[in-house]
Structure formats: structure tokens, C-alpha cells
Amino acid sequence: MTYNLDGKTAIVTGGASGIGRKTAERFAAEGANVVVADVVTDGGEETVESIESAGGSATFVETDVTDPDAVEAMVQTAVDTYGGLDIAHNNAGIEGENDPLAEQTEANWKQVMDINLTGVWLCLKYELQEMTANGDGDGDSDSGAIVNTSSIAGLSAAGSSAYAASKHGVIGLTRVATTEYADADVRVNAVCPGVIETPMVEQSAAENPEEIEQFVGMQPLNRMGSPEEIANAVVWLCSDEASFVTGNAYPVDGGFTAL
């Protein structure tokens, strides 16, 4: 299925690889102008090159989502370059250390929370400021659509304490943003990926192969998902096809959370 995003502008954080890259590419394929944001410059520029080589429109902005000034500048880049902001996929995140709770370091806890949770909050803060300037409150059309990346760890006890707590928090932020900004015609949802074949999971698999195999085996479809499968869900949630969908946390997990 295809969705018409012609003339819309999207931001994708964590757009240098994995789910972020595939979502950025899919947004562009549907006609959107895409601001690709990441701290990884080479990967972000590669995403832009991939989009442009396919005939799409994109620009890269180096963005540390834990830095308020950088996040504000990211949103301003969308406005200055493309005239506004319609769509955002707040996807930047890290796994952090996998040690048991009592063995986790405070430094790891802070880093995971800063990127995975505070980073999403900062993105929402500045994205919503721009999007709500366009809302008329009639409920007939979107002023904006936002999708935050949570995880199956946000719906279960999967993952480390810091990671699970941060991803539970993303769902909380998503629901609060939904209730606070529905009157401005902004829809906010979250996706909760299962075990997806991304660089982050590949690194975990190299370090903890048995753990990854266990998680994959707990998904009834008994395979890893692909970044494209998450991108498909994100783009649908940001399209007019999902115009009455807001405040939800969607598992895209091969059936993991059905168990």
C-alpha cells in the first residue's frame, strides 16, 4: 500500500541507520521532504544520498537529542528548509548495558534515560510548538502526526532495567501528549518493535547470542523483523489513512506481546 505525503515535511531522529533510515526513505518515497537527524554524520548523510538518488528530497542535520538547543535547531531546519513541520518520527535511542538492575551503573542509567526518554521529550516539546501553531481544533484534519519509538520492553519486562524503564516512559509521554494536544489536531502514537534486524540488535547478538536467540524464539513468527516492517507501521500512523488513530502503543513484534 502507498500513502500520499506529497508536500509534507517529516523529521526522523536516529535516521543514520536501521529503523530510522528505512522510515526516512519510506517517507521520501511517499513524497515527503525529510529532515534526517542523527549524531552519526556519515550515516545520516548516506541516508540523504539514498533518498536523493531515488528522486526524493532530504537534508541532514547533526542532532544530539539530549541537547535542547540542537533539538530546537533541528525543528527550525525543517521550517527554514521546507516551510514547516507536519510529521515526526522520534526514533533515536540506545540499548545501554545489559547487566542486572543491582549491577547497573548510574552513568549507564543516566545515559539511557537522557537519550531514550529525555530526548523524546525534548523532540516532542519543540515539534509540538511548531505543529500547534497550525492547529484550528476542528478535528477534521491533522496539524501534525508524531510517532515515538518505544519497544516491546515498554510493554513487558524485556531488556535491562534502564532500557525497559525508558521505553515504558516513552509510552507515558505518548499518551500524555495525545490528551494535551488533540485539541490542536496533533496525533501522537508509539510503535513498539520486537527483535528487529538493526545494527543495535546485531551488536547485542554478537555480545549475547543466546539472549537474542531466546527473544527471537519468544516471537511466535520465530524470526527477526526487518526495519522496513517498522517503517511501514510508522508511515501508516503518520498518514491520513490513520486519521482517527492517536494515543496508542502499537506492537510490531512478531507476536511477542501476545504471549
Protein backbone atom coordinates (compact mmCIF):
# COMPACT_ATOMS: atom_id res chain seq x y z
CA MET A 1 0.00 0.00 0.00
CA THR A 2 1.14 3.54 -0.70
CA TYR A 3 0.30 6.77 1.11
CA ASN A 4 0.23 10.27 -0.30
CA LEU A 5 2.55 12.51 1.71
CA ASP A 6 3.21 14.97 -1.11
CA GLY A 7 4.16 18.39 0.18
CA LYS A 8 4.54 17.30 3.80
CA THR A 9 7.72 17.68 5.82
CA ALA A 10 8.98 14.98 8.16
CA ILE A 11 11.71 14.75 10.78
CA VAL A 12 13.31 11.40 11.59
CA THR A 13 15.73 11.17 14.51
CA GLY A 14 18.15 8.28 14.61
CA GLY A 15 17.98 8.43 10.82
CA ALA A 16 21.54 7.29 10.13
CA SER A 17 20.73 3.57 10.11
CA GLY A 18 18.25 0.82 10.88
CA ILE A 19 14.62 1.74 11.52
CA GLY A 20 15.29 5.47 11.20
CA ARG A 21 16.93 5.15 7.80
CA LYS A 22 14.17 2.94 6.39
CA THR A 23 11.46 5.23 7.75
CA ALA A 24 13.15 8.29 6.25
CA GLU A 25 13.45 6.53 2.91
CA ARG A 26 9.80 5.47 3.01
CA PHE A 27 8.59 8.98 3.92
CA ALA A 28 10.54 10.34 0.95
CA ALA A 29 9.21 7.65 -1.36
CA GLU A 30 5.71 8.77 -0.40
CA GLY A 31 6.53 12.35 -1.41
CA ALA A 32 7.56 13.95 1.88
CA ASN A 33 10.54 16.23 2.38
CA VAL A 34 12.67 14.63 5.08
CA VAL A 35 14.98 16.09 7.70
CA VAL A 36 17.32 13.26 8.72
CA ALA A 37 18.71 13.83 12.20
CA ASP A 38 21.42 11.87 14.00
CA VAL A 39 24.70 12.26 15.88
CA VAL A 40 26.32 9.95 13.29
CA THR A 41 27.17 12.30 10.46
CA ASP A 42 28.40 9.77 7.88
CA GLY A 43 25.36 7.54 8.28
CA GLY A 44 22.95 10.47 8.20
CA GLU A 45 24.48 11.81 5.01
CA GLU A 46 24.31 8.31 3.49
CA THR A 47 20.59 8.23 4.23
CA VAL A 48 20.16 11.57 2.46
CA GLU A 49 22.17 10.31 -0.52
CA SER A 50 19.99 7.20 -0.70
CA ILE A 51 16.83 9.33 -0.69
CA GLU A 52 18.13 11.78 -3.28
CA SER A 53 19.38 9.01 -5.58
CA ALA A 54 15.83 7.65 -5.60
CA GLY A 55 14.46 11.06 -6.58
CA GLY A 56 13.39 12.19 -3.10
CA SER A 57 14.07 15.33 -1.10
CA ALA A 58 16.07 15.26 2.14
CA THR A 59 18.55 17.18 4.24
CA PHE A 60 20.77 16.07 7.11
CA VAL A 61 21.19 17.90 10.39
CA GLU A 62 23.59 16.67 13.05
CA THR A 63 21.49 16.43 16.20
CA ASP A 64 22.15 15.29 19.75
CA VAL A 65 18.63 14.73 21.08
CA THR A 66 19.82 15.34 24.65
CA ASP A 67 20.76 18.93 23.75
CA PRO A 68 17.77 21.33 23.80
CA ASP A 69 19.48 23.83 21.52
CA ALA A 70 20.27 21.12 18.97
CA VAL A 71 16.70 19.80 19.00
CA GLU A 72 15.26 23.28 18.60
CA ALA A 73 17.66 23.86 15.69
CA MET A 74 16.56 20.56 14.13
CA VAL A 75 12.94 21.70 14.06
CA GLN A 76 13.95 25.13 12.80
CA THR A 77 15.85 23.44 9.96
CA ALA A 78 12.60 21.81 8.84
CA VAL A 79 10.83 25.17 8.93
CA ASP A 80 13.61 27.10 7.20
CA THR A 81 14.28 24.47 4.53
CA TYR A 82 10.79 23.21 3.75
CA GLY A 83 8.42 25.77 5.23
CA GLY A 84 7.04 23.88 8.21
CA LEU A 85 6.70 20.57 10.01
CA ASP A 86 3.94 18.01 9.54
CA ILE A 87 5.37 14.66 10.65
CA ALA A 88 7.95 13.45 13.16
CA HIS A 89 9.37 10.06 13.99
CA ASN A 90 11.24 10.32 17.30
CA ASN A 91 13.34 7.22 16.94
CA ALA A 92 16.81 7.94 18.35
CA GLY A 93 17.75 5.55 21.14
CA ILE A 94 20.37 3.26 22.63
CA GLU A 95 20.27 -0.06 24.41
CA GLY A 96 22.90 0.62 27.07
CA GLU A 97 24.36 -2.01 29.37
CA ASN A 98 22.51 -5.31 29.89
CA ASP A 99 23.66 -6.00 33.45
CA PRO A 100 21.07 -6.93 36.12
CA LEU A 101 19.47 -3.99 37.92
CA ALA A 102 21.66 -4.11 41.03
CA GLU A 103 24.78 -4.16 38.85
CA GLN A 104 23.80 -1.27 36.59
CA THR A 105 25.96 1.83 36.84
CA GLU A 106 24.49 5.26 37.50
CA ALA A 107 26.32 6.52 34.41
CA ASN A 108 24.56 3.95 32.22
CA TRP A 109 21.16 4.70 33.77
CA LYS A 110 21.60 8.42 33.12
CA GLN A 111 22.81 7.97 29.53
CA VAL A 112 19.94 5.65 28.60
CA MET A 113 17.36 7.93 30.19
CA ASP A 114 18.89 11.05 28.66
CA ILE A 115 18.75 9.67 25.11
CA ASN A 116 15.74 7.37 25.15
CA LEU A 117 13.35 9.36 27.33
CA THR A 118 14.53 12.95 27.79
CA GLY A 119 15.49 13.00 24.11
CA VAL A 120 11.94 12.05 23.09
CA TRP A 121 10.52 14.65 25.48
CA LEU A 122 12.71 17.38 24.00
CA CYS A 123 11.74 16.39 20.46
CA LEU A 124 8.06 16.42 21.38
CA LYS A 125 8.46 19.80 23.08
CA TYR A 126 9.82 21.60 20.03
CA GLU A 127 7.87 19.64 17.42
CA LEU A 128 4.59 20.35 19.19
CA GLN A 129 5.38 24.04 19.46
CA GLU A 130 5.67 24.20 15.68
CA MET A 131 2.75 21.90 14.89
CA THR A 132 0.28 23.52 17.26
CA ALA A 133 0.83 26.88 15.63
CA ASN A 134 -1.12 25.41 12.68
CA GLY A 135 -3.99 23.71 14.52
CA ASP A 136 -7.53 25.02 14.27
CA GLY A 137 -9.01 22.49 16.67
CA ASP A 138 -11.77 21.39 14.29
CA GLY A 139 -10.70 17.74 14.36
CA ASP A 140 -11.21 17.49 10.60
CA SER A 141 -7.57 17.31 9.55
CA ASP A 142 -4.14 16.78 11.04
CA SER A 143 -1.94 19.69 12.03
CA GLY A 144 0.70 17.10 12.73
CA ALA A 145 1.37 13.43 13.32
CA ILE A 146 4.11 12.12 15.60
CA VAL A 147 5.31 8.58 16.20
CA ASN A 148 7.70 7.78 19.04
CA THR A 149 9.75 4.59 19.05
CA SER A 150 9.19 2.59 22.21
CA SER A 151 9.82 -1.17 22.32
CA ILE A 152 8.40 -4.47 23.46
CA ALA A 153 10.46 -3.54 26.54
CA GLY A 154 7.97 -0.71 27.05
CA LEU A 155 5.15 -3.25 27.29
CA SER A 156 6.90 -6.01 29.23
CA ALA A 157 9.91 -6.83 31.37
CA ALA A 158 12.12 -7.49 28.34
CA GLY A 159 15.50 -5.79 28.34
CA SER A 160 17.57 -4.19 31.06
CA SER A 161 16.08 -2.09 33.85
CA ALA A 162 17.25 1.21 32.33
CA TYR A 163 16.12 0.33 28.83
CA ALA A 164 12.73 -1.01 29.92
CA ALA A 165 12.09 1.97 32.18
CA SER A 166 12.97 4.42 29.42
CA LYS A 167 10.72 2.68 26.91
CA HIS A 168 7.81 2.48 29.37
CA GLY A 169 8.35 6.22 29.81
CA VAL A 170 8.10 6.82 26.07
CA ILE A 171 4.62 5.28 26.08
CA GLY A 172 3.65 7.51 29.01
CA LEU A 173 4.86 10.60 27.17
CA THR A 174 2.97 9.49 24.07
CA ARG A 175 -0.31 9.19 25.94
CA VAL A 176 0.04 12.48 27.78
CA ALA A 177 0.93 14.31 24.57
CA THR A 178 -2.14 12.77 22.95
CA THR A 179 -4.51 14.10 25.58
CA GLU A 180 -2.87 17.51 25.80
CA TYR A 181 -2.63 18.23 22.07
CA ALA A 182 -5.62 16.50 20.47
CA ASP A 183 -7.48 19.83 20.53
CA ALA A 184 -4.75 21.23 18.29
CA ASP A 185 -5.32 18.37 15.81
CA VAL A 186 -1.97 16.70 16.50
CA ARG A 187 -1.98 12.91 16.66
CA VAL A 188 0.68 11.10 18.72
CA ASN A 189 1.33 7.36 18.70
CA ALA A 190 4.16 4.96 19.51
CA VAL A 191 5.50 1.84 17.85
CA CYS A 192 6.91 -0.99 19.94
CA PRO A 193 9.32 -3.03 17.84
CA GLY A 194 10.21 -6.57 18.76
CA VAL A 195 13.59 -8.03 17.84
CA ILE A 196 14.45 -6.20 14.62
CA GLU A 197 17.46 -6.75 12.41
CA THR A 198 19.20 -3.44 13.10
CA PRO A 199 22.83 -2.51 13.92
CA MET A 200 21.88 -2.22 17.62
CA VAL A 201 20.45 -5.75 17.70
CA GLU A 202 23.35 -7.10 15.64
CA GLN A 203 25.75 -5.70 18.24
CA SER A 204 23.73 -7.29 21.05
CA ALA A 205 23.67 -10.57 19.18
CA ALA A 206 27.45 -10.51 18.91
CA GLU A 207 27.78 -9.87 22.65
CA ASN A 208 24.88 -12.04 23.90
CA PRO A 209 23.93 -14.52 21.15
CA GLU A 210 21.95 -16.80 23.45
CA GLU A 211 19.84 -13.94 24.79
CA ILE A 212 18.93 -12.73 21.29
CA GLU A 213 18.08 -16.27 20.20
CA GLN A 214 15.83 -16.58 23.25
CA PHE A 215 13.96 -13.36 22.43
CA VAL A 216 13.58 -14.34 18.77
CA GLY A 217 12.26 -17.72 19.87
CA MET A 218 9.65 -15.97 22.04
CA GLN A 219 8.20 -14.25 18.96
CA PRO A 220 5.55 -16.64 17.56
CA LEU A 221 6.62 -15.79 14.00
CA ASN A 222 10.05 -17.11 15.09
CA ARG A 223 12.18 -14.65 13.15
CA MET A 224 13.62 -11.18 13.44
CA GLY A 225 11.60 -8.36 11.99
CA SER A 226 13.02 -6.01 9.38
CA PRO A 227 13.45 -2.23 9.69
CA GLU A 228 11.14 -1.91 6.69
CA GLU A 229 8.32 -3.59 8.65
CA ILE A 230 8.59 -0.96 11.38
CA ALA A 231 8.81 1.82 8.79
CA ASN A 232 5.58 0.57 7.22
CA ALA A 233 3.77 0.96 10.54
CA VAL A 234 5.23 4.40 11.20
CA VAL A 235 4.31 5.76 7.78
CA TRP A 236 0.76 4.42 8.09
CA LEU A 237 0.36 6.07 11.50
CA CYS A 238 1.52 9.39 10.02
CA SER A 239 -0.79 9.17 7.01
CA ASP A 240 -4.40 10.24 6.53
CA GLU A 241 -5.30 6.54 6.50
CA ALA A 242 -4.80 6.64 10.29
CA SER A 243 -6.59 9.96 10.83
CA PHE A 244 -8.66 8.63 13.77
CA VAL A 245 -5.74 6.83 15.42
CA THR A 246 -3.99 8.50 18.35
CA GLY A 247 -2.71 7.68 21.82
CA ASN A 248 -1.75 4.10 21.06
CA ALA A 249 1.36 1.99 21.50
CA TYR A 250 1.49 -0.46 18.62
CA PRO A 251 3.50 -3.69 18.99
CA VAL A 252 5.25 -4.68 15.76
CA ASP A 253 6.82 -7.71 17.32
CA GLY A 254 6.03 -10.98 15.58
CA GLY A 255 3.51 -11.77 18.31
CA PHE A 256 5.86 -11.36 21.30
CA THR A 257 3.39 -9.40 23.44
CA ALA A 258 0.57 -11.83 22.65
CA LEU A 259 2.20 -14.44 24.88
